[in-house]
Amino acid sequence: MCGPRDCTDDDRRHAREVGRLLAERGAVVICGGYTGVMAEVAAGAKAAGGTVVGVLSRADREGAGPDLTIAIATGVGEARNSIIVNSGDAVIVIGGSWGTLSELALAKRRGGVPVVQLGGWRVVGPDGDLVPGVDYADTPAEALAQTGLWA
C-alpha cells in the first residue's frame, strides 16, 4: 500500500477503507509506516483486526504510526520504497506525490504483480493516453477487485 504523507480527505477515507477491506480478507498490509495515507491504511487494518507492517525510512522508530503491528526501521531513506513494493503480492497506490509516483514506477519495473491506482495522479504517455499496465479504480472495493487477489 503506497501513498503520500500529505493527502486529501478523499485519500484518507479511501486508505482507511482499503486497510479495513484487506484486513477482513486476511491480507497483511505493508506500507511506509508514517502519516497520511500510510497512517490511515494502518488504522483501517488495525480496526478490523489486521496486521500492518511499516517499512520506515529512518534508522529508528521515531514518528512511526501508532497502528503498526510491526515497525521495521531501515535507515535507507526513500530507498525503502523499493522494499515496500517488492514485498507485496499487489501494489495499491492511493493519492499522488513524487514519492508515491516513484513507488508506482518501481512496482511496474518489478513486474508480475498487479498495480492499481486509486485517486491521485494519472500517468499519461506522449500521446496523452494513460500509460498501460496500471489499473485505475474509483473506489476501495474496486481497487481490491482489480488486483485479482481480494475480490
C-alpha atoms as a PDB file:
ATOM      1  CA  MET A   1       0.000   0.000   0.000  1.00  0.00           C
ATOM      2  CA  CYS A   2       1.546   3.253  -1.131  1.00  0.00           C
ATOM      3  CA  GLY A   3       0.543   6.871  -0.740  1.00  0.00           C
ATOM      4  CA  PRO A   4       1.710  10.293   0.379  1.00  0.00           C
ATOM      5  CA  ARG A   5       2.021  11.695   3.872  1.00  0.00           C
ATOM      6  CA  ASP A   6       0.290  14.879   2.670  1.00  0.00           C
ATOM      7  CA  CYS A   7      -3.014  13.728   1.231  1.00  0.00           C
ATOM      8  CA  THR A   8      -6.600  14.772   0.609  1.00  0.00           C
ATOM      9  CA  ASP A   9      -9.592  13.872   2.737  1.00  0.00           C
ATOM     10  CA  ASP A  10     -10.745  11.511  -0.036  1.00  0.00           C
ATOM     11  CA  ASP A  11      -7.337   9.805   0.013  1.00  0.00           C
ATOM     12  CA  ARG A  12      -7.620   9.388   3.800  1.00  0.00           C
ATOM     13  CA  ARG A  13     -11.083   7.828   3.536  1.00  0.00           C
ATOM     14  CA  HIS A  14     -10.015   5.549   0.698  1.00  0.00           C
ATOM     15  CA  ALA A  15      -6.886   4.431   2.554  1.00  0.00           C
ATOM     16  CA  ARG A  16      -8.769   3.620   5.748  1.00  0.00           C
ATOM     17  CA  GLU A  17     -11.317   1.598   3.777  1.00  0.00           C
ATOM     18  CA  VAL A  18      -8.627  -0.247   1.797  1.00  0.00           C
ATOM     19  CA  GLY A  19      -6.926  -1.156   5.077  1.00  0.00           C
ATOM     20  CA  ARG A  20     -10.187  -2.452   6.525  1.00  0.00           C
ATOM     21  CA  LEU A  21     -11.033  -4.470   3.426  1.00  0.00           C
ATOM     22  CA  LEU A  22      -7.561  -6.003   3.232  1.00  0.00           C
ATOM     23  CA  ALA A  23      -7.633  -6.994   6.903  1.00  0.00           C
ATOM     24  CA  GLU A  24     -11.072  -8.559   6.520  1.00  0.00           C
ATOM     25  CA  ARG A  25      -9.629 -10.709   3.728  1.00  0.00           C
ATOM     26  CA  GLY A  26      -6.677 -11.832   5.843  1.00  0.00           C
ATOM     27  CA  ALA A  27      -4.039  -9.829   3.964  1.00  0.00           C
ATOM     28  CA  VAL A  28      -1.009  -8.386   5.723  1.00  0.00           C
ATOM     29  CA  VAL A  29      -0.735  -4.688   4.884  1.00  0.00           C
ATOM     30  CA  ILE A  30       2.721  -3.303   4.080  1.00  0.00           C
ATOM     31  CA  CYS A  31       3.167   0.470   3.986  1.00  0.00           C
ATOM     32  CA  GLY A  32       5.639   3.252   4.722  1.00  0.00           C
ATOM     33  CA  GLY A  33       4.543   3.453   8.352  1.00  0.00           C
ATOM     34  CA  TYR A  34       4.231   7.186   8.915  1.00  0.00           C
ATOM     35  CA  THR A  35       1.422   9.756   8.476  1.00  0.00           C
ATOM     36  CA  GLY A  36      -1.187  10.494   5.810  1.00  0.00           C
ATOM     37  CA  VAL A  37      -2.274   7.610   3.595  1.00  0.00           C
ATOM     38  CA  MET A  38       0.102   5.275   5.440  1.00  0.00           C
ATOM     39  CA  ALA A  39      -1.458   6.068   8.829  1.00  0.00           C
ATOM     40  CA  GLU A  40      -4.992   5.711   7.502  1.00  0.00           C
ATOM     41  CA  VAL A  41      -4.445   2.319   5.879  1.00  0.00           C
ATOM     42  CA  ALA A  42      -2.827   1.141   9.117  1.00  0.00           C
ATOM     43  CA  ALA A  43      -5.737   2.437  11.212  1.00  0.00           C
ATOM     44  CA  GLY A  44      -8.289   0.765   8.938  1.00  0.00           C
ATOM     45  CA  ALA A  45      -6.478  -2.565   9.011  1.00  0.00           C
ATOM     46  CA  LYS A  46      -5.876  -2.478  12.766  1.00  0.00           C
ATOM     47  CA  ALA A  47      -9.537  -1.631  13.470  1.00  0.00           C
ATOM     48  CA  ALA A  48     -10.513  -4.751  11.502  1.00  0.00           C
ATOM     49  CA  GLY A  49      -8.035  -6.940  13.433  1.00  0.00           C
ATOM     50  CA  GLY A  50      -5.388  -6.988  10.707  1.00  0.00           C
ATOM     51  CA  THR A  51      -1.608  -6.991  10.683  1.00  0.00           C
ATOM     52  CA  VAL A  52       0.260  -3.909   9.433  1.00  0.00           C
ATOM     53  CA  VAL A  53       3.978  -3.786   8.663  1.00  0.00           C
ATOM     54  CA  GLY A  54       5.534  -0.333   8.418  1.00  0.00           C
ATOM     55  CA  VAL A  55       8.805  -0.114   6.487  1.00  0.00           C
ATOM     56  CA  LEU A  56      10.315   3.054   7.923  1.00  0.00           C
ATOM     57  CA  SER A  57      12.794   5.296   6.139  1.00  0.00           C
ATOM     58  CA  ARG A  58      14.566   6.250   9.367  1.00  0.00           C
ATOM     59  CA  ALA A  59      17.075   4.183  11.335  1.00  0.00           C
ATOM     60  CA  ASP A  60      14.804   4.446  14.383  1.00  0.00           C
ATOM     61  CA  ARG A  61      11.084   4.221  15.063  1.00  0.00           C
ATOM     62  CA  GLU A  62      10.568   7.943  15.705  1.00  0.00           C
ATOM     63  CA  GLY A  63       7.393   9.148  14.026  1.00  0.00           C
ATOM     64  CA  ALA A  64       6.119   5.641  13.293  1.00  0.00           C
ATOM     65  CA  GLY A  65       2.345   5.325  13.234  1.00  0.00           C
ATOM     66  CA  PRO A  66       0.613   4.049  16.367  1.00  0.00           C
ATOM     67  CA  ASP A  67      -1.429   1.461  14.442  1.00  0.00           C
ATOM     68  CA  LEU A  68       1.519  -0.529  13.101  1.00  0.00           C
ATOM     69  CA  THR A  69       1.805  -4.126  14.248  1.00  0.00           C
ATOM     70  CA  ILE A  70       5.449  -4.282  13.158  1.00  0.00           C
ATOM     71  CA  ALA A  71       7.736  -1.292  12.525  1.00  0.00           C
ATOM     72  CA  ILE A  72      10.922  -2.015  10.586  1.00  0.00           C
ATOM     73  CA  ALA A  73      13.494   0.762  10.966  1.00  0.00           C
ATOM     74  CA  THR A  74      15.650   0.587   7.829  1.00  0.00           C
ATOM     75  CA  GLY A  75      17.729   3.773   7.790  1.00  0.00           C
ATOM     76  CA  VAL A  76      17.687   3.673   3.978  1.00  0.00           C
ATOM     77  CA  GLY A  77      15.577   6.781   3.372  1.00  0.00           C
ATOM     78  CA  GLU A  78      13.388   6.769   0.285  1.00  0.00           C
ATOM     79  CA  ALA A  79      15.078   3.567  -0.924  1.00  0.00           C
ATOM     80  CA  ARG A  80      12.606   1.901   1.407  1.00  0.00           C
ATOM     81  CA  ASN A  81      10.032   2.420  -1.380  1.00  0.00           C
ATOM     82  CA  SER A  82      11.665  -0.462  -3.232  1.00  0.00           C
ATOM     83  CA  ILE A  83      11.381  -2.683  -0.160  1.00  0.00           C
ATOM     84  CA  ILE A  84       7.680  -1.880   0.169  1.00  0.00           C
ATOM     85  CA  VAL A  85       6.734  -2.604  -3.448  1.00  0.00           C
ATOM     86  CA  ASN A  86       8.892  -5.715  -3.651  1.00  0.00           C
ATOM     87  CA  SER A  87       7.306  -7.199  -0.520  1.00  0.00           C
ATOM     88  CA  GLY A  88       3.689  -7.290  -1.656  1.00  0.00           C
ATOM     89  CA  ASP A  89       1.520  -9.577  -3.758  1.00  0.00           C
ATOM     90  CA  ALA A  90      -0.052  -6.441  -5.257  1.00  0.00           C
ATOM     91  CA  VAL A  91       0.513  -2.702  -5.018  1.00  0.00           C
ATOM     92  CA  ILE A  92      -2.363  -0.320  -4.397  1.00  0.00           C
ATOM     93  CA  VAL A  93      -1.403   3.328  -4.794  1.00  0.00           C
ATOM     94  CA  ILE A  94      -3.669   5.952  -3.223  1.00  0.00           C
ATOM     95  CA  GLY A  95      -3.202   9.631  -3.934  1.00  0.00           C
ATOM     96  CA  GLY A  96      -0.252  11.302  -5.567  1.00  0.00           C
ATOM     97  CA  SER A  97       3.145  12.738  -4.696  1.00  0.00           C
ATOM     98  CA  TRP A  98       6.641  12.358  -6.104  1.00  0.00           C
ATOM     99  CA  GLY A  99       7.451   9.596  -3.605  1.00  0.00           C
ATOM    100  CA  THR A 100       4.199   7.808  -4.422  1.00  0.00           C
ATOM    101  CA  LEU A 101       4.951   8.097  -8.128  1.00  0.00           C
ATOM    102  CA  SER A 102       8.347   6.515  -7.510  1.00  0.00           C
ATOM    103  CA  GLU A 103       6.636   3.600  -5.751  1.00  0.00           C
ATOM    104  CA  LEU A 104       4.259   3.143  -8.674  1.00  0.00           C
ATOM    105  CA  ALA A 105       7.194   3.159 -11.120  1.00  0.00           C
ATOM    106  CA  LEU A 106       9.190   0.698  -9.014  1.00  0.00           C
ATOM    107  CA  ALA A 107       6.171  -1.623  -8.810  1.00  0.00           C
ATOM    108  CA  LYS A 108       5.768  -1.533 -12.592  1.00  0.00           C
ATOM    109  CA  ARG A 109       9.505  -2.158 -13.103  1.00  0.00           C
ATOM    110  CA  ARG A 110       9.259  -5.137 -10.767  1.00  0.00           C
ATOM    111  CA  GLY A 111       6.604  -6.701 -12.947  1.00  0.00           C
ATOM    112  CA  GLY A 112       4.487  -9.725 -12.151  1.00  0.00           C
ATOM    113  CA  VAL A 113       2.240  -8.021  -9.619  1.00  0.00           C
ATOM    114  CA  PRO A 114      -0.952  -6.024 -10.134  1.00  0.00           C
ATOM    115  CA  VAL A 115      -0.606  -2.257  -9.707  1.00  0.00           C
ATOM    116  CA  VAL A 116      -3.799  -0.292  -9.048  1.00  0.00           C
ATOM    117  CA  GLN A 117      -4.101   3.492  -8.681  1.00  0.00           C
ATOM    118  CA  LEU A 118      -6.970   4.880  -6.574  1.00  0.00           C
ATOM    119  CA  GLY A 119      -7.314   8.639  -6.882  1.00  0.00           C
ATOM    120  CA  GLY A 120      -4.284  10.835  -7.254  1.00  0.00           C
ATOM    121  CA  TRP A 121      -2.187  11.298 -10.344  1.00  0.00           C
ATOM    122  CA  ARG A 122      -2.784   9.650 -13.694  1.00  0.00           C
ATOM    123  CA  VAL A 123       0.301   8.696 -15.686  1.00  0.00           C
ATOM    124  CA  VAL A 124      -0.011   9.534 -19.368  1.00  0.00           C
ATOM    125  CA  GLY A 125       2.321   8.869 -22.263  1.00  0.00           C
ATOM    126  CA  PRO A 126       3.457  11.263 -25.002  1.00  0.00           C
ATOM    127  CA  ASP A 127       0.265  10.542 -26.943  1.00  0.00           C
ATOM    128  CA  GLY A 128      -1.866  11.681 -23.998  1.00  0.00           C
ATOM    129  CA  ASP A 129      -3.232   8.201 -23.337  1.00  0.00           C
ATOM    130  CA  LEU A 130      -2.945   6.512 -19.942  1.00  0.00           C
ATOM    131  CA  VAL A 131       0.256   4.502 -19.651  1.00  0.00           C
ATOM    132  CA  PRO A 132      -0.634   0.809 -19.971  1.00  0.00           C
ATOM    133  CA  GLY A 133      -0.093  -1.557 -17.087  1.00  0.00           C
ATOM    134  CA  VAL A 134      -1.603   0.496 -14.292  1.00  0.00           C
ATOM    135  CA  ASP A 135      -5.221  -0.238 -13.475  1.00  0.00           C
ATOM    136  CA  TYR A 136      -7.305   2.662 -12.218  1.00  0.00           C
ATOM    137  CA  ALA A 137     -10.050   2.335  -9.611  1.00  0.00           C
ATOM    138  CA  ASP A 138     -12.702   4.735  -8.338  1.00  0.00           C
ATOM    139  CA  THR A 139     -13.464   3.008  -5.021  1.00  0.00           C
ATOM    140  CA  PRO A 140     -11.538   0.951  -2.454  1.00  0.00           C
ATOM    141  CA  ALA A 141     -13.606  -2.174  -3.259  1.00  0.00           C
ATOM    142  CA  GLU A 142     -12.870  -1.739  -6.960  1.00  0.00           C
ATOM    143  CA  ALA A 143      -9.151  -1.344  -6.220  1.00  0.00           C
ATOM    144  CA  LEU A 144      -9.067  -4.643  -4.352  1.00  0.00           C
ATOM    145  CA  ALA A 145     -11.100  -6.379  -7.043  1.00  0.00           C
ATOM    146  CA  GLN A 146      -8.749  -5.148  -9.761  1.00  0.00           C
ATOM    147  CA  THR A 147      -5.787  -6.817  -8.080  1.00  0.00           C
ATOM    148  CA  GLY A 148      -7.443 -10.149  -8.783  1.00  0.00           C
ATOM    149  CA  LEU A 149      -6.446 -11.267  -5.286  1.00  0.00           C
ATOM    150  CA  TRP A 150      -9.094  -9.850  -2.968  1.00  0.00           C
ATOM    151  CA  ALA A 151     -12.433  -9.524  -4.763  1.00  0.00           C
END
